[in-house]
Amino acid sequence: MTHRDPLRLFAWLLVVAGVLIIFAGPLYASVDPRARDRRWFRRAVESGDRDRVDQMLVEDVRTAWVVVSPWPIVMAGASVTAFGVLLLAIRRPAERRSTAR
């Protein structure tokens, strides 16, 4: 049975998790604004503010909280991946073997 180094296993876990976070960032940024946009439109219709609804439909205007940037999520994933790579790059000192003569 081989003994796995738990630090290396943790480092590889960080690398994989970071890559998954990097891919999830743009995905989340493309899906979440649609839900926020629907909420904003529903609130505008329920409020009875016809000018706001018309502006939204005609000019395609959105408030700032509707838009989601993927870059903070991508940078977080890159940081997690970089930390995993850093842990993989750290070399452990060679184990001293006692030689029986």
N, C-alpha and C. Protein backbone atom coordinates (compact mmCIF):
# COMPACT_ATOMS: atom_id res chain seq x y z
N MET A 1 0.84 -1.18 0.00
CA MET A 1 0.00 0.00 0.00
C MET A 1 0.89 1.25 0.00
N THR A 2 0.63 2.15 -0.92
CA THR A 2 1.45 3.36 -1.00
C THR A 2 0.89 4.43 -0.08
N HIS A 3 1.80 5.23 0.47
CA HIS A 3 1.42 6.31 1.36
C HIS A 3 1.32 7.59 0.55
N ARG A 4 0.13 8.15 0.47
CA ARG A 4 -0.05 9.40 -0.28
C ARG A 4 0.25 10.59 0.61
N ASP A 5 0.87 11.57 0.03
CA ASP A 5 1.17 12.79 0.74
C ASP A 5 -0.11 13.63 0.79
N PRO A 6 -0.63 13.91 1.98
CA PRO A 6 -1.89 14.67 2.06
C PRO A 6 -1.77 16.10 1.52
N LEU A 7 -0.58 16.68 1.60
CA LEU A 7 -0.40 18.04 1.09
C LEU A 7 -0.52 18.08 -0.43
N ARG A 8 0.07 17.07 -1.10
CA ARG A 8 -0.04 17.01 -2.56
C ARG A 8 -1.48 16.76 -2.99
N LEU A 9 -2.17 15.93 -2.27
CA LEU A 9 -3.57 15.65 -2.57
C LEU A 9 -4.41 16.93 -2.41
N PHE A 10 -4.16 17.67 -1.34
CA PHE A 10 -4.85 18.94 -1.11
C PHE A 10 -4.53 19.95 -2.21
N ALA A 11 -3.26 19.98 -2.64
CA ALA A 11 -2.85 20.91 -3.70
C ALA A 11 -3.57 20.59 -5.02
N TRP A 12 -3.65 19.30 -5.36
CA TRP A 12 -4.36 18.93 -6.59
C TRP A 12 -5.85 19.24 -6.48
N LEU A 13 -6.40 19.08 -5.29
CA LEU A 13 -7.80 19.44 -5.07
C LEU A 13 -8.01 20.94 -5.31
N LEU A 14 -7.07 21.76 -4.83
CA LEU A 14 -7.15 23.20 -5.05
C LEU A 14 -7.05 23.54 -6.54
N VAL A 15 -6.18 22.88 -7.25
CA VAL A 15 -6.02 23.15 -8.68
C VAL A 15 -7.32 22.82 -9.43
N VAL A 16 -7.88 21.67 -9.15
CA VAL A 16 -9.12 21.26 -9.83
C VAL A 16 -10.27 22.20 -9.44
N ALA A 17 -10.39 22.52 -8.16
CA ALA A 17 -11.46 23.42 -7.71
C ALA A 17 -11.31 24.80 -8.33
N GLY A 18 -10.09 25.29 -8.43
CA GLY A 18 -9.86 26.60 -9.04
C GLY A 18 -10.25 26.63 -10.50
N VAL A 19 -9.92 25.59 -11.23
CA VAL A 19 -10.30 25.53 -12.65
C VAL A 19 -11.82 25.48 -12.79
N LEU A 20 -12.49 24.72 -11.92
CA LEU A 20 -13.95 24.68 -11.96
C LEU A 20 -14.57 26.04 -11.64
N ILE A 21 -13.98 26.75 -10.69
CA ILE A 21 -14.47 28.09 -10.36
C ILE A 21 -14.27 29.04 -11.53
N ILE A 22 -13.13 28.91 -12.22
CA ILE A 22 -12.87 29.76 -13.39
C ILE A 22 -13.94 29.54 -14.47
N PHE A 23 -14.32 28.28 -14.71
CA PHE A 23 -15.35 28.00 -15.71
C PHE A 23 -16.74 28.43 -15.23
N ALA A 24 -16.97 28.39 -13.93
CA ALA A 24 -18.29 28.74 -13.39
C ALA A 24 -18.55 30.24 -13.41
N GLY A 25 -17.50 31.06 -13.39
CA GLY A 25 -17.67 32.51 -13.35
C GLY A 25 -18.47 33.07 -14.51
N PRO A 26 -18.04 32.85 -15.74
CA PRO A 26 -18.82 33.37 -16.88
C PRO A 26 -20.20 32.72 -16.99
N LEU A 27 -20.30 31.46 -16.59
CA LEU A 27 -21.60 30.79 -16.61
C LEU A 27 -22.58 31.48 -15.67
N TYR A 28 -22.13 31.74 -14.45
CA TYR A 28 -22.96 32.42 -13.46
C TYR A 28 -23.31 33.84 -13.92
N ALA A 29 -22.33 34.52 -14.49
CA ALA A 29 -22.55 35.90 -14.94
C ALA A 29 -23.53 35.97 -16.10
N SER A 30 -23.67 34.90 -16.85
CA SER A 30 -24.63 34.92 -17.97
C SER A 30 -26.02 34.49 -17.53
N VAL A 31 -26.14 33.68 -16.49
CA VAL A 31 -27.44 33.18 -16.04
C VAL A 31 -28.08 34.11 -15.03
N ASP A 32 -27.33 34.60 -14.06
CA ASP A 32 -27.90 35.39 -12.97
C ASP A 32 -28.51 36.72 -13.44
N PRO A 33 -27.93 37.45 -14.38
CA PRO A 33 -28.56 38.71 -14.80
C PRO A 33 -29.96 38.52 -15.37
N ARG A 34 -30.20 37.37 -16.01
CA ARG A 34 -31.54 37.14 -16.55
C ARG A 34 -32.57 37.06 -15.43
N ALA A 35 -32.21 36.38 -14.34
CA ALA A 35 -33.12 36.29 -13.20
C ALA A 35 -33.29 37.66 -12.55
N ARG A 36 -32.20 38.41 -12.42
CA ARG A 36 -32.29 39.76 -11.86
C ARG A 36 -33.10 40.67 -12.77
N ASP A 37 -32.92 40.52 -14.07
CA ASP A 37 -33.66 41.32 -15.03
C ASP A 37 -35.16 41.04 -14.92
N ARG A 38 -35.55 39.77 -14.78
CA ARG A 38 -36.96 39.43 -14.61
C ARG A 38 -37.54 40.02 -13.34
N ARG A 39 -36.75 39.96 -12.24
CA ARG A 39 -37.21 40.55 -10.98
C ARG A 39 -37.42 42.05 -11.12
N TRP A 40 -36.46 42.71 -11.77
CA TRP A 40 -36.54 44.15 -11.94
C TRP A 40 -37.75 44.53 -12.79
N PHE A 41 -37.99 43.77 -13.88
CA PHE A 41 -39.13 44.03 -14.74
C PHE A 41 -40.44 43.80 -13.99
N ARG A 42 -40.51 42.71 -13.23
CA ARG A 42 -41.72 42.42 -12.47
C ARG A 42 -42.01 43.53 -11.46
N ARG A 43 -40.98 44.01 -10.78
CA ARG A 43 -41.17 45.12 -9.82
C ARG A 43 -41.64 46.38 -10.53
N ALA A 44 -41.10 46.66 -11.72
CA ALA A 44 -41.51 47.85 -12.45
C ALA A 44 -42.97 47.75 -12.88
N VAL A 45 -43.39 46.56 -13.33
CA VAL A 45 -44.78 46.37 -13.75
C VAL A 45 -45.71 46.47 -12.55
N GLU A 46 -45.32 45.83 -11.42
CA GLU A 46 -46.16 45.87 -10.22
C GLU A 46 -46.28 47.26 -9.63
N SER A 47 -45.24 48.08 -9.82
CA SER A 47 -45.29 49.44 -9.26
C SER A 47 -46.20 50.35 -10.07
N GLY A 48 -46.50 49.97 -11.30
CA GLY A 48 -47.37 50.78 -12.14
C GLY A 48 -46.65 51.93 -12.81
N ASP A 49 -45.34 51.93 -12.77
CA ASP A 49 -44.55 53.01 -13.38
C ASP A 49 -44.38 52.72 -14.87
N ARG A 50 -45.28 53.26 -15.69
CA ARG A 50 -45.27 52.98 -17.12
C ARG A 50 -44.02 53.55 -17.80
N ASP A 51 -43.55 54.69 -17.33
CA ASP A 51 -42.36 55.29 -17.94
C ASP A 51 -41.14 54.39 -17.80
N ARG A 52 -41.00 53.80 -16.61
CA ARG A 52 -39.86 52.92 -16.38
C ARG A 52 -39.96 51.66 -17.22
N VAL A 53 -41.15 51.10 -17.33
CA VAL A 53 -41.34 49.88 -18.14
C VAL A 53 -41.08 50.20 -19.61
N ASP A 54 -41.60 51.33 -20.09
CA ASP A 54 -41.36 51.71 -21.49
C ASP A 54 -39.88 51.95 -21.76
N GLN A 55 -39.21 52.61 -20.83
CA GLN A 55 -37.78 52.87 -21.00
C GLN A 55 -37.01 51.56 -21.05
N MET A 56 -37.43 50.61 -20.23
CA MET A 56 -36.74 49.32 -20.20
C MET A 56 -36.94 48.56 -21.50
N LEU A 57 -38.16 48.59 -22.03
CA LEU A 57 -38.46 47.83 -23.24
C LEU A 57 -37.92 48.50 -24.50
N VAL A 58 -38.02 49.80 -24.58
CA VAL A 58 -37.64 50.50 -25.80
C VAL A 58 -36.13 50.73 -25.86
N GLU A 59 -35.57 51.26 -24.76
CA GLU A 59 -34.16 51.63 -24.77
C GLU A 59 -33.23 50.54 -24.26
N ASP A 60 -33.79 49.45 -23.78
CA ASP A 60 -33.00 48.33 -23.23
C ASP A 60 -32.06 48.83 -22.12
N VAL A 61 -32.62 49.62 -21.20
CA VAL A 61 -31.86 50.19 -20.10
C VAL A 61 -31.99 49.28 -18.89
N ARG A 62 -30.87 49.07 -18.19
CA ARG A 62 -30.87 48.24 -16.98
C ARG A 62 -30.16 48.98 -15.86
N THR A 63 -30.56 48.67 -14.65
CA THR A 63 -29.87 49.27 -13.51
C THR A 63 -28.56 48.54 -13.28
N ALA A 64 -27.68 49.15 -12.52
CA ALA A 64 -26.33 48.59 -12.32
C ALA A 64 -26.37 47.26 -11.57
N TRP A 65 -27.33 47.06 -10.67
CA TRP A 65 -27.34 45.82 -9.89
C TRP A 65 -27.79 44.62 -10.71
N VAL A 66 -28.28 44.85 -11.92
CA VAL A 66 -28.71 43.74 -12.77
C VAL A 66 -27.51 43.09 -13.46
N VAL A 67 -26.50 43.88 -13.76
CA VAL A 67 -25.33 43.39 -14.50
C VAL A 67 -24.35 42.73 -13.53
N VAL A 68 -23.90 41.52 -13.88
CA VAL A 68 -22.95 40.77 -13.06
C VAL A 68 -21.67 40.58 -13.85
N SER A 69 -20.55 41.00 -13.27
CA SER A 69 -19.26 40.84 -13.92
C SER A 69 -18.67 39.47 -13.56
N PRO A 70 -18.17 38.73 -14.53
CA PRO A 70 -17.58 37.42 -14.22
C PRO A 70 -16.16 37.52 -13.66
N TRP A 71 -15.51 38.68 -13.79
CA TRP A 71 -14.09 38.79 -13.47
C TRP A 71 -13.75 38.54 -12.00
N PRO A 72 -14.53 38.98 -11.03
CA PRO A 72 -14.17 38.63 -9.65
C PRO A 72 -14.17 37.12 -9.40
N ILE A 73 -15.11 36.42 -10.02
CA ILE A 73 -15.19 34.96 -9.84
C ILE A 73 -14.01 34.30 -10.55
N VAL A 74 -13.68 34.77 -11.75
CA VAL A 74 -12.55 34.21 -12.50
C VAL A 74 -11.24 34.44 -11.74
N MET A 75 -11.07 35.64 -11.18
CA MET A 75 -9.85 35.93 -10.42
C MET A 75 -9.76 35.09 -9.15
N ALA A 76 -10.89 34.84 -8.50
CA ALA A 76 -10.89 33.97 -7.32
C ALA A 76 -10.47 32.55 -7.70
N GLY A 77 -10.99 32.05 -8.81
CA GLY A 77 -10.61 30.71 -9.28
C GLY A 77 -9.14 30.65 -9.66
N ALA A 78 -8.64 31.71 -10.29
CA ALA A 78 -7.21 31.74 -10.65
C ALA A 78 -6.34 31.77 -9.39
N SER A 79 -6.80 32.48 -8.36
CA SER A 79 -6.03 32.52 -7.11
C SER A 79 -5.99 31.16 -6.43
N VAL A 80 -7.12 30.47 -6.41
CA VAL A 80 -7.17 29.14 -5.81
C VAL A 80 -6.26 28.19 -6.58
N THR A 81 -6.31 28.25 -7.91
CA THR A 81 -5.46 27.41 -8.74
C THR A 81 -3.98 27.73 -8.52
N ALA A 82 -3.65 29.01 -8.45
CA ALA A 82 -2.26 29.41 -8.24
C ALA A 82 -1.74 28.94 -6.90
N PHE A 83 -2.59 28.98 -5.87
CA PHE A 83 -2.16 28.49 -4.56
C PHE A 83 -1.92 26.98 -4.60
N GLY A 84 -2.77 26.26 -5.32
CA GLY A 84 -2.55 24.82 -5.47
C GLY A 84 -1.26 24.51 -6.21
N VAL A 85 -0.97 25.27 -7.26
CA VAL A 85 0.28 25.08 -8.02
C VAL A 85 1.48 25.42 -7.13
N LEU A 86 1.34 26.46 -6.32
CA LEU A 86 2.41 26.83 -5.41
C LEU A 86 2.69 25.70 -4.42
N LEU A 87 1.64 25.11 -3.89
CA LEU A 87 1.84 23.98 -2.96
C LEU A 87 2.48 22.80 -3.66
N LEU A 88 2.13 22.58 -4.92
CA LEU A 88 2.75 21.48 -5.68
C LEU A 88 4.22 21.77 -5.97
N ALA A 89 4.58 23.03 -6.10
CA ALA A 89 5.95 23.40 -6.44
C ALA A 89 6.89 23.33 -5.24
N ILE A 90 6.33 23.37 -4.05
CA ILE A 90 7.19 23.29 -2.85
C ILE A 90 7.77 21.89 -2.78
N ARG A 91 9.08 21.83 -2.72
CA ARG A 91 9.75 20.53 -2.66
C ARG A 91 9.96 20.13 -1.21
N ARG A 92 9.59 18.93 -0.93
CA ARG A 92 9.79 18.41 0.42
C ARG A 92 11.25 17.96 0.55
N PRO A 93 11.83 18.13 1.72
CA PRO A 93 13.20 17.66 1.88
C PRO A 93 13.26 16.13 1.75
N ALA A 94 14.33 15.71 1.17
CA ALA A 94 14.48 14.25 0.96
C ALA A 94 14.53 13.57 2.32
N GLU A 95 13.81 12.46 2.40
CA GLU A 95 13.79 11.72 3.65
C GLU A 95 15.16 11.09 3.88
N ARG A 96 15.59 11.21 5.08
CA ARG A 96 16.90 10.62 5.40
C ARG A 96 16.73 9.14 5.66
N ARG A 97 17.53 8.42 4.99
CA ARG A 97 17.47 6.97 5.16
C ARG A 97 18.67 6.53 5.98
N SER A 98 18.36 5.79 6.94
CA SER A 98 19.49 5.26 7.73
C SER A 98 20.03 4.03 7.03
N THR A 99 21.31 4.07 6.79
CA THR A 99 21.93 2.94 6.11
C THR A 99 22.63 2.08 7.16
N ALA A 100 22.26 0.85 7.14
CA ALA A 100 22.87 -0.09 8.09
C ALA A 100 24.09 -0.69 7.40
N ARG A 101 25.23 -0.53 8.07
CA ARG A 101 26.47 -1.07 7.50
C ARG A 101 26.98 -2.17 8.37
